[in-house]
Amino acid sequence: MLLHLLYDSLLQIEGEYRYIWTSRWTLIKCLYLWTRYAAILNGLISLANSTTCNKIATFLTVFGGLTISVTTMILMVRTYTLYERSKKLLLFFFALWFGVGGFMFWAVTKWIGVGNSSIAANSNFECWTTQDGLHSIGFLCYLSLLIGESVIVLLTLGIVIRRFSRDMNGLLQSLYRDGVWFYIAILPFTVATVAITLSSRPGLSKLLDSPLLTMHALLVCRMIIHAREIAAEEDRRASAVNRIFRERKMTSNVVVDISPDNQV
């Protein structure tokens, strides 16, 4: 998974420099940088701690969960923009994020308590696969994430469909231009994680943390660069059109004197 993140970073390095690093500091820029490099840091640390069950592994799980919650916040901000900064939606997203986040915080504190008792008894990877409590808490965290993301995806699709309900071409263009397909691409990974966690034996769901974090970070970062690239392209087109109109206006204002005294 780390290789996927590094490879994607190399592919996106030009767009990231142009649309992220050289842009002014905003909330989205901060969230993007956290998502991109926290996911890579998580992968680097896990390389040295991939087969042991200790406090570093606990930290990585909590840190990865926090990074995924940041990607969810980015999706909320993007949807909030599509709704033309609706105050009602903003309040709803605050309630949703803090509600889901509060539940996950409670679940993580319980998870750490169960995990620490397992670490004290067994320092190898077996402790993850022998604790039903860890499995149940992990499932609840994944399920709450799925509920939150499903609400965001439905709201995003809803506004796009309402705008272009009678224009299929406009709908398809909006799905691409506004980056809605990134939402649709992210959700199946969360659904698969919940389904596998529900049907698998305790401990196996721990193996899903890295793929889930990787795909969230990869797709959300690509969505931000894509949105800024599209916005920059639209600005360039608008500037070109305005320049043409200004040139035509200047040409039309030129007065040609064809009086007899001015003829050669």
C-alpha atoms as a PDB file:
ATOM      1  CA  MET A   1       0.000   0.000   0.000  1.00  0.00           C
ATOM      2  CA  LEU A   2       2.894   2.350   0.713  1.00  0.00           C
ATOM      3  CA  LEU A   3       4.168   1.815  -2.825  1.00  0.00           C
ATOM      4  CA  HIS A   4       0.763   2.813  -4.198  1.00  0.00           C
ATOM      5  CA  LEU A   5       0.868   6.056  -2.218  1.00  0.00           C
ATOM      6  CA  LEU A   6       4.428   6.872  -3.266  1.00  0.00           C
ATOM      7  CA  TYR A   7       3.722   6.043  -6.905  1.00  0.00           C
ATOM      8  CA  ASP A   8       0.591   8.196  -6.925  1.00  0.00           C
ATOM      9  CA  SER A   9       2.519  11.046  -5.288  1.00  0.00           C
ATOM     10  CA  LEU A  10       5.061  10.914  -8.110  1.00  0.00           C
ATOM     11  CA  LEU A  11       2.300  10.909 -10.724  1.00  0.00           C
ATOM     12  CA  GLN A  12       0.618  13.900  -9.097  1.00  0.00           C
ATOM     13  CA  ILE A  13       3.757  15.854  -8.201  1.00  0.00           C
ATOM     14  CA  GLU A  14       3.299  18.490 -10.933  1.00  0.00           C
ATOM     15  CA  GLY A  15      -0.368  19.064 -10.138  1.00  0.00           C
ATOM     16  CA  GLU A  16       0.339  19.102  -6.416  1.00  0.00           C
ATOM     17  CA  TYR A  17       3.028  21.753  -6.805  1.00  0.00           C
ATOM     18  CA  ARG A  18       0.912  23.890  -9.141  1.00  0.00           C
ATOM     19  CA  TYR A  19      -2.437  23.671  -7.376  1.00  0.00           C
ATOM     20  CA  ILE A  20      -1.497  22.960  -3.752  1.00  0.00           C
ATOM     21  CA  TRP A  21       1.959  24.189  -2.761  1.00  0.00           C
ATOM     22  CA  THR A  22       1.812  27.453  -4.719  1.00  0.00           C
ATOM     23  CA  SER A  23      -1.749  28.269  -3.601  1.00  0.00           C
ATOM     24  CA  ARG A  24      -2.638  30.320  -0.548  1.00  0.00           C
ATOM     25  CA  TRP A  25      -3.177  28.566   2.751  1.00  0.00           C
ATOM     26  CA  THR A  26      -6.759  27.425   3.205  1.00  0.00           C
ATOM     27  CA  LEU A  27      -8.557  24.716   5.134  1.00  0.00           C
ATOM     28  CA  ILE A  28      -8.564  22.426   2.094  1.00  0.00           C
ATOM     29  CA  LYS A  29      -4.822  22.885   1.569  1.00  0.00           C
ATOM     30  CA  CYS A  30      -4.117  21.925   5.191  1.00  0.00           C
ATOM     31  CA  LEU A  31      -6.427  18.912   5.005  1.00  0.00           C
ATOM     32  CA  TYR A  32      -4.869  17.826   1.706  1.00  0.00           C
ATOM     33  CA  LEU A  33      -1.317  17.954   3.057  1.00  0.00           C
ATOM     34  CA  TRP A  34      -2.343  16.046   6.176  1.00  0.00           C
ATOM     35  CA  THR A  35      -4.076  13.368   4.126  1.00  0.00           C
ATOM     36  CA  ARG A  36      -1.271  12.941   1.609  1.00  0.00           C
ATOM     37  CA  TYR A  37       1.672  12.811   3.981  1.00  0.00           C
ATOM     38  CA  ALA A  38       0.048  11.321   7.071  1.00  0.00           C
ATOM     39  CA  ALA A  39      -0.925   8.292   4.987  1.00  0.00           C
ATOM     40  CA  ILE A  40       2.658   7.948   3.731  1.00  0.00           C
ATOM     41  CA  LEU A  41       4.033   8.348   7.266  1.00  0.00           C
ATOM     42  CA  ASN A  42       1.624   5.695   8.502  1.00  0.00           C
ATOM     43  CA  GLY A  43       2.874   3.321   5.819  1.00  0.00           C
ATOM     44  CA  LEU A  44       6.541   4.006   6.598  1.00  0.00           C
ATOM     45  CA  ILE A  45       6.123   3.345  10.312  1.00  0.00           C
ATOM     46  CA  SER A  46       4.105   0.192   9.688  1.00  0.00           C
ATOM     47  CA  LEU A  47       6.970  -1.270   7.632  1.00  0.00           C
ATOM     48  CA  ALA A  48       9.082  -1.516  10.756  1.00  0.00           C
ATOM     49  CA  ASN A  49       6.203  -2.733  12.870  1.00  0.00           C
ATOM     50  CA  SER A  50       4.157  -4.986  10.598  1.00  0.00           C
ATOM     51  CA  THR A  51       4.299  -8.249  12.561  1.00  0.00           C
ATOM     52  CA  THR A  52       4.117  -7.130  16.171  1.00  0.00           C
ATOM     53  CA  CYS A  53       1.182  -6.220  18.340  1.00  0.00           C
ATOM     54  CA  ASN A  54       2.356  -3.363  20.541  1.00  0.00           C
ATOM     55  CA  LYS A  55       1.638   0.258  21.342  1.00  0.00           C
ATOM     56  CA  ILE A  56       3.116   1.389  18.023  1.00  0.00           C
ATOM     57  CA  ALA A  57       0.560  -0.757  16.217  1.00  0.00           C
ATOM     58  CA  THR A  58      -2.143   0.795  18.373  1.00  0.00           C
ATOM     59  CA  PHE A  59      -0.882   4.271  17.492  1.00  0.00           C
ATOM     60  CA  LEU A  60      -0.874   3.434  13.776  1.00  0.00           C
ATOM     61  CA  THR A  61      -4.475   2.246  13.927  1.00  0.00           C
ATOM     62  CA  VAL A  62      -5.642   5.382  15.728  1.00  0.00           C
ATOM     63  CA  PHE A  63      -3.539   7.642  13.487  1.00  0.00           C
ATOM     64  CA  GLY A  64      -4.906   5.945  10.375  1.00  0.00           C
ATOM     65  CA  GLY A  65      -8.458   6.356  11.636  1.00  0.00           C
ATOM     66  CA  LEU A  66      -7.837  10.055  12.251  1.00  0.00           C
ATOM     67  CA  THR A  67      -6.511  10.458   8.707  1.00  0.00           C
ATOM     68  CA  ILE A  68      -9.592   8.748   7.276  1.00  0.00           C
ATOM     69  CA  SER A  69     -11.772  11.132   9.291  1.00  0.00           C
ATOM     70  CA  VAL A  70      -9.874  14.021   7.680  1.00  0.00           C
ATOM     71  CA  THR A  71     -10.677  12.630   4.219  1.00  0.00           C
ATOM     72  CA  THR A  72     -14.330  12.526   5.247  1.00  0.00           C
ATOM     73  CA  MET A  73     -14.112  16.179   6.247  1.00  0.00           C
ATOM     74  CA  ILE A  74     -12.704  17.000   2.802  1.00  0.00           C
ATOM     75  CA  LEU A  75     -15.682  15.277   1.169  1.00  0.00           C
ATOM     76  CA  MET A  76     -17.998  17.319   3.378  1.00  0.00           C
ATOM     77  CA  VAL A  77     -16.315  20.586   2.412  1.00  0.00           C
ATOM     78  CA  ARG A  78     -16.555  19.703  -1.269  1.00  0.00           C
ATOM     79  CA  THR A  79     -20.254  18.833  -0.971  1.00  0.00           C
ATOM     80  CA  TYR A  80     -20.831  22.015   1.026  1.00  0.00           C
ATOM     81  CA  THR A  81     -19.335  23.956  -1.904  1.00  0.00           C
ATOM     82  CA  LEU A  82     -21.642  22.200  -4.382  1.00  0.00           C
ATOM     83  CA  TYR A  83     -24.598  23.281  -2.236  1.00  0.00           C
ATOM     84  CA  GLU A  84     -23.400  26.899  -2.610  1.00  0.00           C
ATOM     85  CA  ARG A  85     -22.327  27.061   1.043  1.00  0.00           C
ATOM     86  CA  SER A  86     -25.727  26.325   2.536  1.00  0.00           C
ATOM     87  CA  LYS A  87     -25.741  27.160   6.248  1.00  0.00           C
ATOM     88  CA  LYS A  88     -28.267  24.412   6.954  1.00  0.00           C
ATOM     89  CA  LEU A  89     -26.015  21.839   5.324  1.00  0.00           C
ATOM     90  CA  LEU A  90     -23.028  23.197   7.238  1.00  0.00           C
ATOM     91  CA  LEU A  91     -24.842  22.715  10.540  1.00  0.00           C
ATOM     92  CA  PHE A  92     -25.896  19.228   9.481  1.00  0.00           C
ATOM     93  CA  PHE A  93     -22.323  18.310   8.573  1.00  0.00           C
ATOM     94  CA  PHE A  94     -21.071  19.639  11.892  1.00  0.00           C
ATOM     95  CA  ALA A  95     -23.589  17.443  13.685  1.00  0.00           C
ATOM     96  CA  LEU A  96     -22.774  14.443  11.489  1.00  0.00           C
ATOM     97  CA  TRP A  97     -18.998  14.756  11.782  1.00  0.00           C
ATOM     98  CA  PHE A  98     -18.978  15.345  15.523  1.00  0.00           C
ATOM     99  CA  GLY A  99     -21.636  12.687  16.051  1.00  0.00           C
ATOM    100  CA  VAL A 100     -19.785  10.012  14.112  1.00  0.00           C
ATOM    101  CA  GLY A 101     -16.442  11.306  15.380  1.00  0.00           C
ATOM    102  CA  GLY A 102     -17.622  11.251  18.981  1.00  0.00           C
ATOM    103  CA  PHE A 103     -18.831   7.686  18.652  1.00  0.00           C
ATOM    104  CA  MET A 104     -15.581   6.603  17.023  1.00  0.00           C
ATOM    105  CA  PHE A 105     -13.571   8.366  19.747  1.00  0.00           C
ATOM    106  CA  TRP A 106     -15.506   6.425  22.368  1.00  0.00           C
ATOM    107  CA  ALA A 107     -14.969   3.215  20.406  1.00  0.00           C
ATOM    108  CA  VAL A 108     -11.244   3.899  20.058  1.00  0.00           C
ATOM    109  CA  THR A 109     -10.830   4.457  23.791  1.00  0.00           C
ATOM    110  CA  LYS A 110     -12.520   1.107  24.408  1.00  0.00           C
ATOM    111  CA  TRP A 111     -10.398  -0.458  21.658  1.00  0.00           C
ATOM    112  CA  ILE A 112      -7.178   0.841  23.228  1.00  0.00           C
ATOM    113  CA  GLY A 113      -8.202  -0.595  26.585  1.00  0.00           C
ATOM    114  CA  VAL A 114      -8.851  -4.038  25.130  1.00  0.00           C
ATOM    115  CA  GLY A 115      -5.743  -3.815  22.963  1.00  0.00           C
ATOM    116  CA  ASN A 116      -3.447  -2.922  25.852  1.00  0.00           C
ATOM    117  CA  SER A 117      -4.603  -5.959  27.806  1.00  0.00           C
ATOM    118  CA  SER A 118      -3.842  -8.098  24.757  1.00  0.00           C
ATOM    119  CA  ILE A 119      -0.407  -6.534  24.346  1.00  0.00           C
ATOM    120  CA  ALA A 120       0.431  -7.271  27.954  1.00  0.00           C
ATOM    121  CA  ALA A 121      -0.432 -10.931  27.409  1.00  0.00           C
ATOM    122  CA  ASN A 122       1.108 -11.421  23.980  1.00  0.00           C
ATOM    123  CA  SER A 123       3.464  -9.168  22.021  1.00  0.00           C
ATOM    124  CA  ASN A 124       3.128 -10.811  18.606  1.00  0.00           C
ATOM    125  CA  PHE A 125       0.474 -10.479  15.933  1.00  0.00           C
ATOM    126  CA  GLU A 126      -1.595 -13.251  17.486  1.00  0.00           C
ATOM    127  CA  CYS A 127      -3.135 -10.842  19.970  1.00  0.00           C
ATOM    128  CA  TRP A 128      -5.074  -9.152  17.144  1.00  0.00           C
ATOM    129  CA  THR A 129      -6.583 -12.473  16.075  1.00  0.00           C
ATOM    130  CA  THR A 130      -7.684 -13.718  19.470  1.00  0.00           C
ATOM    131  CA  GLN A 131      -9.756 -10.803  20.741  1.00  0.00           C
ATOM    132  CA  ASP A 132     -13.440 -10.718  19.908  1.00  0.00           C
ATOM    133  CA  GLY A 133     -13.666  -7.317  21.620  1.00  0.00           C
ATOM    134  CA  LEU A 134     -11.230  -5.730  19.185  1.00  0.00           C
ATOM    135  CA  HIS A 135     -13.136  -7.225  16.261  1.00  0.00           C
ATOM    136  CA  SER A 136     -16.515  -5.915  17.447  1.00  0.00           C
ATOM    137  CA  ILE A 137     -15.204  -2.421  18.149  1.00  0.00           C
ATOM    138  CA  GLY A 138     -13.474  -2.308  14.771  1.00  0.00           C
ATOM    139  CA  PHE A 139     -16.703  -3.332  13.063  1.00  0.00           C
ATOM    140  CA  LEU A 140     -18.621  -0.535  14.801  1.00  0.00           C
ATOM    141  CA  CYS A 141     -16.013   2.014  13.692  1.00  0.00           C
ATOM    142  CA  TYR A 142     -16.166   0.826  10.092  1.00  0.00           C
ATOM    143  CA  LEU A 143     -19.965   0.812  10.186  1.00  0.00           C
ATOM    144  CA  SER A 144     -20.153   4.384  11.501  1.00  0.00           C
ATOM    145  CA  LEU A 145     -17.728   5.461   8.772  1.00  0.00           C
ATOM    146  CA  LEU A 146     -19.910   3.768   6.155  1.00  0.00           C
ATOM    147  CA  ILE A 147     -23.050   5.501   7.427  1.00  0.00           C
ATOM    148  CA  GLY A 148     -21.379   8.910   7.365  1.00  0.00           C
ATOM    149  CA  GLU A 149     -19.915   8.449   3.890  1.00  0.00           C
ATOM    150  CA  SER A 150     -23.197   7.095   2.520  1.00  0.00           C
ATOM    151  CA  VAL A 151     -25.017  10.223   3.686  1.00  0.00           C
ATOM    152  CA  ILE A 152     -22.392  12.447   2.043  1.00  0.00           C
ATOM    153  CA  VAL A 153     -22.520  10.524  -1.244  1.00  0.00           C
ATOM    154  CA  LEU A 154     -26.330  10.618  -1.348  1.00  0.00           C
ATOM    155  CA  LEU A 155     -26.380  14.361  -0.674  1.00  0.00           C
ATOM    156  CA  THR A 156     -23.797  14.969  -3.390  1.00  0.00           C
ATOM    157  CA  LEU A 157     -25.577  12.841  -5.963  1.00  0.00           C
ATOM    158  CA  GLY A 158     -28.864  14.460  -4.973  1.00  0.00           C
ATOM    159  CA  ILE A 159     -27.760  18.016  -5.745  1.00  0.00           C
ATOM    160  CA  VAL A 160     -26.179  16.999  -9.057  1.00  0.00           C
ATOM    161  CA  ILE A 161     -29.229  15.019 -10.188  1.00  0.00           C
ATOM    162  CA  ARG A 162     -31.599  17.849  -9.239  1.00  0.00           C
ATOM    163  CA  ARG A 163     -29.573  20.325 -11.253  1.00  0.00           C
ATOM    164  CA  PHE A 164     -29.383  18.166 -14.364  1.00  0.00           C
ATOM    165  CA  SER A 165     -32.474  15.961 -14.091  1.00  0.00           C
ATOM    166  CA  ARG A 166     -33.447  16.750 -17.696  1.00  0.00           C
ATOM    167  CA  ASP A 167     -29.965  17.058 -19.152  1.00  0.00           C
ATOM    168  CA  MET A 168     -28.077  13.768 -19.333  1.00  0.00           C
ATOM    169  CA  ASN A 169     -25.037  15.361 -20.950  1.00  0.00           C
ATOM    170  CA  GLY A 170     -24.934  18.006 -18.240  1.00  0.00           C
ATOM    171  CA  LEU A 171     -25.264  15.319 -15.583  1.00  0.00           C
ATOM    172  CA  LEU A 172     -22.352  13.313 -16.959  1.00  0.00           C
ATOM    173  CA  GLN A 173     -20.244  16.439 -17.304  1.00  0.00           C
ATOM    174  CA  SER A 174     -20.991  17.413 -13.708  1.00  0.00           C
ATOM    175  CA  LEU A 175     -20.047  13.955 -12.436  1.00  0.00           C
ATOM    176  CA  TYR A 176     -16.642  14.489 -14.024  1.00  0.00           C
ATOM    177  CA  ARG A 177     -16.166  18.240 -13.560  1.00  0.00           C
ATOM    178  CA  ASP A 178     -17.247  18.334  -9.902  1.00  0.00           C
ATOM    179  CA  GLY A 179     -15.373  15.148  -9.046  1.00  0.00           C
ATOM    180  CA  VAL A 180     -18.500  13.302  -7.936  1.00  0.00           C
ATOM    181  CA  TRP A 181     -17.208  10.028  -9.355  1.00  0.00           C
ATOM    182  CA  PHE A 182     -14.447  10.114  -6.716  1.00  0.00           C
ATOM    183  CA  TYR A 183     -17.160   9.844  -4.054  1.00  0.00           C
ATOM    184  CA  ILE A 184     -18.634   6.872  -5.873  1.00  0.00           C
ATOM    185  CA  ALA A 185     -15.199   5.249  -6.153  1.00  0.00           C
ATOM    186  CA  ILE A 186     -14.425   5.637  -2.438  1.00  0.00           C
ATOM    187  CA  LEU A 187     -17.661   4.188  -1.064  1.00  0.00           C
ATOM    188  CA  PRO A 188     -17.216   0.571  -2.334  1.00  0.00           C
ATOM    189  CA  PHE A 189     -13.981   0.205  -0.361  1.00  0.00           C
ATOM    190  CA  THR A 190     -15.779   1.135   2.851  1.00  0.00           C
ATOM    191  CA  VAL A 191     -18.677  -1.192   1.999  1.00  0.00           C
ATOM    192  CA  ALA A 192     -16.248  -4.050   1.311  1.00  0.00           C
ATOM    193  CA  THR A 193     -14.434  -3.404   4.587  1.00  0.00           C
ATOM    194  CA  VAL A 194     -17.670  -3.564   6.568  1.00  0.00           C
ATOM    195  CA  ALA A 195     -18.813  -6.704   4.734  1.00  0.00           C
ATOM    196  CA  ILE A 196     -15.499  -8.506   5.219  1.00  0.00           C
ATOM    197  CA  THR A 197     -15.299  -7.479   8.867  1.00  0.00           C
ATOM    198  CA  LEU A 198     -18.820  -8.765   9.457  1.00  0.00           C
ATOM    199  CA  SER A 199     -18.132 -12.137   7.852  1.00  0.00           C
ATOM    200  CA  SER A 200     -14.499 -12.759   8.830  1.00  0.00           C
ATOM    201  CA  ARG A 201     -12.934 -14.184  11.961  1.00  0.00           C
ATOM    202  CA  PRO A 202     -11.560 -11.812  14.608  1.00  0.00           C
ATOM    203  CA  GLY A 203      -8.289 -10.187  13.630  1.00  0.00           C
ATOM    204  CA  LEU A 204      -8.529 -10.476   9.875  1.00  0.00           C
ATOM    205  CA  SER A 205     -10.247  -7.101   9.655  1.00  0.00           C
ATOM    206  CA  LYS A 206      -7.032  -5.546  10.998  1.00  0.00           C
ATOM    207  CA  LEU A 207      -5.497  -6.311   7.610  1.00  0.00           C
ATOM    208  CA  LEU A 208      -8.047  -3.985   5.973  1.00  0.00           C
ATOM    209  CA  ASP A 209      -6.859  -0.830   7.738  1.00  0.00           C
ATOM    210  CA  SER A 210      -4.024  -0.131   5.323  1.00  0.00           C
ATOM    211  CA  PRO A 211      -5.985  -0.630   2.049  1.00  0.00           C
ATOM    212  CA  LEU A 212      -8.879   1.459   3.376  1.00  0.00           C
ATOM    213  CA  LEU A 213      -6.579   4.322   4.382  1.00  0.00           C
ATOM    214  CA  THR A 214      -4.621   4.109   1.125  1.00  0.00           C
ATOM    215  CA  MET A 215      -7.657   4.323  -1.149  1.00  0.00           C
ATOM    216  CA  HIS A 216      -9.234   7.141   0.859  1.00  0.00           C
ATOM    217  CA  ALA A 217      -6.030   9.184   0.784  1.00  0.00           C
ATOM    218  CA  LEU A 218      -5.298   8.461  -2.868  1.00  0.00           C
ATOM    219  CA  LEU A 219      -8.768   9.223  -4.224  1.00  0.00           C
ATOM    220  CA  VAL A 220      -9.444  12.275  -2.046  1.00  0.00           C
ATOM    221  CA  CYS A 221      -6.098  13.872  -2.934  1.00  0.00           C
ATOM    222  CA  ARG A 222      -6.754  13.227  -6.612  1.00  0.00           C
ATOM    223  CA  MET A 223     -10.212  14.762  -6.234  1.00  0.00           C
ATOM    224  CA  ILE A 224      -8.788  17.996  -4.823  1.00  0.00           C
ATOM    225  CA  ILE A 225      -6.172  18.346  -7.566  1.00  0.00           C
ATOM    226  CA  HIS A 226      -8.793  17.494 -10.195  1.00  0.00           C
ATOM    227  CA  ALA A 227     -11.216  20.121  -8.867  1.00  0.00           C
ATOM    228  CA  ARG A 228      -8.542  22.819  -8.826  1.00  0.00           C
ATOM    229  CA  GLU A 229      -7.314  21.850 -12.270  1.00  0.00           C
ATOM    230  CA  ILE A 230     -10.838  22.139 -13.689  1.00  0.00           C
ATOM    231  CA  ALA A 231     -11.350  25.493 -11.937  1.00  0.00           C
ATOM    232  CA  ALA A 232      -8.053  26.813 -13.327  1.00  0.00           C
ATOM    233  CA  GLU A 233      -8.987  25.680 -16.833  1.00  0.00           C
ATOM    234  CA  GLU A 234     -12.371  27.421 -16.585  1.00  0.00           C
ATOM    235  CA  ASP A 235     -10.649  30.604 -15.396  1.00  0.00           C
ATOM    236  CA  ARG A 236      -8.275  30.472 -18.373  1.00  0.00           C
ATOM    237  CA  ARG A 237     -11.191  30.066 -20.781  1.00  0.00           C
ATOM    238  CA  ALA A 238     -13.096  32.928 -19.163  1.00  0.00           C
ATOM    239  CA  SER A 239     -10.017  35.152 -19.378  1.00  0.00           C
ATOM    240  CA  ALA A 240      -9.574  34.290 -23.058  1.00  0.00           C
ATOM    241  CA  VAL A 241     -13.217  35.130 -23.818  1.00  0.00           C
ATOM    242  CA  ASN A 242     -12.987  38.425 -21.920  1.00  0.00           C
ATOM    243  CA  ARG A 243      -9.815  39.334 -23.789  1.00  0.00           C
ATOM    244  CA  ILE A 244     -11.520  38.723 -27.141  1.00  0.00           C
ATOM    245  CA  PHE A 245     -14.478  40.909 -26.155  1.00  0.00           C
ATOM    246  CA  ARG A 246     -12.150  43.692 -25.008  1.00  0.00           C
ATOM    247  CA  GLU A 247     -10.241  43.573 -28.284  1.00  0.00           C
ATOM    248  CA  ARG A 248     -13.474  43.704 -30.293  1.00  0.00           C
ATOM    249  CA  LYS A 249     -14.735  46.608 -28.217  1.00  0.00           C
ATOM    250  CA  MET A 250     -11.527  48.526 -28.764  1.00  0.00           C
ATOM    251  CA  THR A 251     -11.746  47.855 -32.506  1.00  0.00           C
ATOM    252  CA  SER A 252     -15.360  49.023 -32.701  1.00  0.00           C
ATOM    253  CA  ASN A 253     -14.488  52.268 -30.893  1.00  0.00           C
ATOM    254  CA  VAL A 254     -11.899  53.248 -33.507  1.00  0.00           C
ATOM    255  CA  VAL A 255     -13.226  56.164 -35.592  1.00  0.00           C
ATOM    256  CA  VAL A 256     -11.967  56.388 -39.160  1.00  0.00           C
ATOM    257  CA  ASP A 257     -11.978  59.914 -40.604  1.00  0.00           C
ATOM    258  CA  ILE A 258     -12.898  59.712 -44.302  1.00  0.00           C
ATOM    259  CA  SER A 259     -13.713  63.379 -44.847  1.00  0.00           C
ATOM    260  CA  PRO A 260     -12.523  64.938 -48.130  1.00  0.00           C
ATOM    261  CA  ASP A 261      -9.853  66.922 -46.308  1.00  0.00           C
ATOM    262  CA  ASN A 262      -8.362  63.711 -44.953  1.00  0.00           C
ATOM    263  CA  GLN A 263      -8.283  61.780 -48.217  1.00  0.00           C
ATOM    264  CA  VAL A 264      -4.964  61.208 -49.958  1.00  0.00           C
END
